[in-house]
Amino acid sequence: MEQSGHLFKELAICGGLTKSKLYLQTHANVFKLPVIVPECSEPVLLGAAISSALALAPVSGTMKVISQMAGKGYVLHPDSESSR
């Protein structure tokens, strides 16, 4: 994809496999990118709720609604040894 002009700075991963630190760290190492993982256990449902909130009150602003509803997450960085 990079050959087509698409540059990636990070990966966002959600779903059941986010419970596996090995899975997440492997992705960070293989792609040599930070992996962002939401703390929310059901991010797909959260996305639907955010979309609904924006449909009901679009004047609130997308980023404001997301920051109020989404909560926090964490980032896993590639291991320095795997980046060689």
Protein backbone atom coordinates (compact mmCIF):
# COMPACT_ATOMS: atom_id res chain seq x y z
CA MET A 1 0.00 0.00 0.00
CA GLU A 2 2.91 2.33 0.65
CA GLN A 3 3.85 2.00 -3.03
CA SER A 4 0.42 3.48 -3.81
CA GLY A 5 1.06 6.47 -1.57
CA HIS A 6 -0.65 5.26 1.60
CA LEU A 7 1.55 5.79 4.65
CA PHE A 8 0.71 4.27 7.99
CA LYS A 9 1.84 5.78 11.28
CA GLU A 10 -0.03 3.45 13.63
CA LEU A 11 -2.38 0.47 13.80
CA ALA A 12 -5.68 0.55 15.67
CA ILE A 13 -6.82 -2.89 16.78
CA CYS A 14 -10.07 -3.82 18.51
CA GLY A 15 -12.03 -6.94 19.25
CA GLY A 16 -11.49 -10.10 21.24
CA LEU A 17 -7.87 -10.62 20.23
CA THR A 18 -6.88 -7.39 22.00
CA LYS A 19 -6.90 -9.48 25.18
CA SER A 20 -3.75 -11.21 23.92
CA LYS A 21 -0.65 -9.09 24.59
CA LEU A 22 1.35 -11.50 22.42
CA TYR A 23 -0.99 -10.91 19.46
CA LEU A 24 -0.73 -7.14 19.88
CA GLN A 25 3.03 -7.09 20.37
CA THR A 26 3.54 -9.36 17.36
CA HIS A 27 1.58 -6.93 15.17
CA ALA A 28 3.61 -3.99 16.47
CA ASN A 29 6.85 -5.86 15.77
CA VAL A 30 5.91 -7.20 12.33
CA PHE A 31 4.56 -3.89 11.02
CA LYS A 32 7.12 -1.82 12.97
CA LEU A 33 4.30 0.49 14.02
CA PRO A 34 2.72 1.45 17.33
CA VAL A 35 -0.53 -0.42 18.05
CA ILE A 36 -3.38 1.55 19.62
CA VAL A 37 -5.83 -0.46 21.72
CA PRO A 38 -9.01 1.03 23.20
CA GLU A 39 -9.84 0.22 26.82
CA CYS A 40 -13.46 -0.23 25.77
CA SER A 41 -14.37 -3.91 25.68
CA GLU A 42 -16.93 -3.38 22.89
CA PRO A 43 -15.53 -0.72 20.54
CA VAL A 44 -17.89 -1.65 17.68
CA LEU A 45 -20.89 -0.98 19.89
CA LEU A 46 -19.26 2.22 21.11
CA GLY A 47 -18.84 3.35 17.51
CA ALA A 48 -22.55 2.79 16.90
CA ALA A 49 -23.39 4.77 20.03
CA ILE A 50 -21.12 7.65 18.95
CA SER A 51 -22.74 7.67 15.49
CA SER A 52 -26.19 7.77 17.11
CA ALA A 53 -25.20 10.62 19.43
CA LEU A 54 -23.89 12.63 16.49
CA ALA A 55 -27.08 11.99 14.52
CA LEU A 56 -29.16 13.29 17.41
CA ALA A 57 -26.96 16.28 18.21
CA PRO A 58 -24.63 17.05 15.29
CA VAL A 59 -23.86 20.51 16.66
CA SER A 60 -21.92 18.93 19.54
CA GLY A 61 -18.95 18.26 17.29
CA THR A 62 -17.48 14.92 16.38
CA MET A 63 -14.28 15.13 18.40
CA LYS A 64 -16.11 16.36 21.49
CA VAL A 65 -18.57 13.46 21.38
CA ILE A 66 -15.80 10.93 20.78
CA SER A 67 -13.66 12.25 23.63
CA GLN A 68 -16.62 12.22 26.02
CA MET A 69 -17.76 8.70 25.15
CA ALA A 70 -14.68 6.76 24.12
CA GLY A 71 -12.53 6.88 27.21
CA LYS A 72 -8.91 5.94 27.12
CA GLY A 73 -6.72 3.33 25.55
CA TYR A 74 -3.07 2.35 25.45
CA VAL A 75 -0.26 2.07 22.92
CA LEU A 76 2.15 -0.81 22.40
CA HIS A 77 5.36 0.10 20.59
CA PRO A 78 7.47 -2.30 18.53
CA ASP A 79 10.29 -3.98 20.42
CA SER A 80 13.57 -2.29 19.55
CA GLU A 81 15.23 -5.66 18.77
CA SER A 82 12.57 -6.53 16.18
CA SER A 83 13.03 -3.19 14.42
CA ARG A 84 16.50 -4.06 13.16
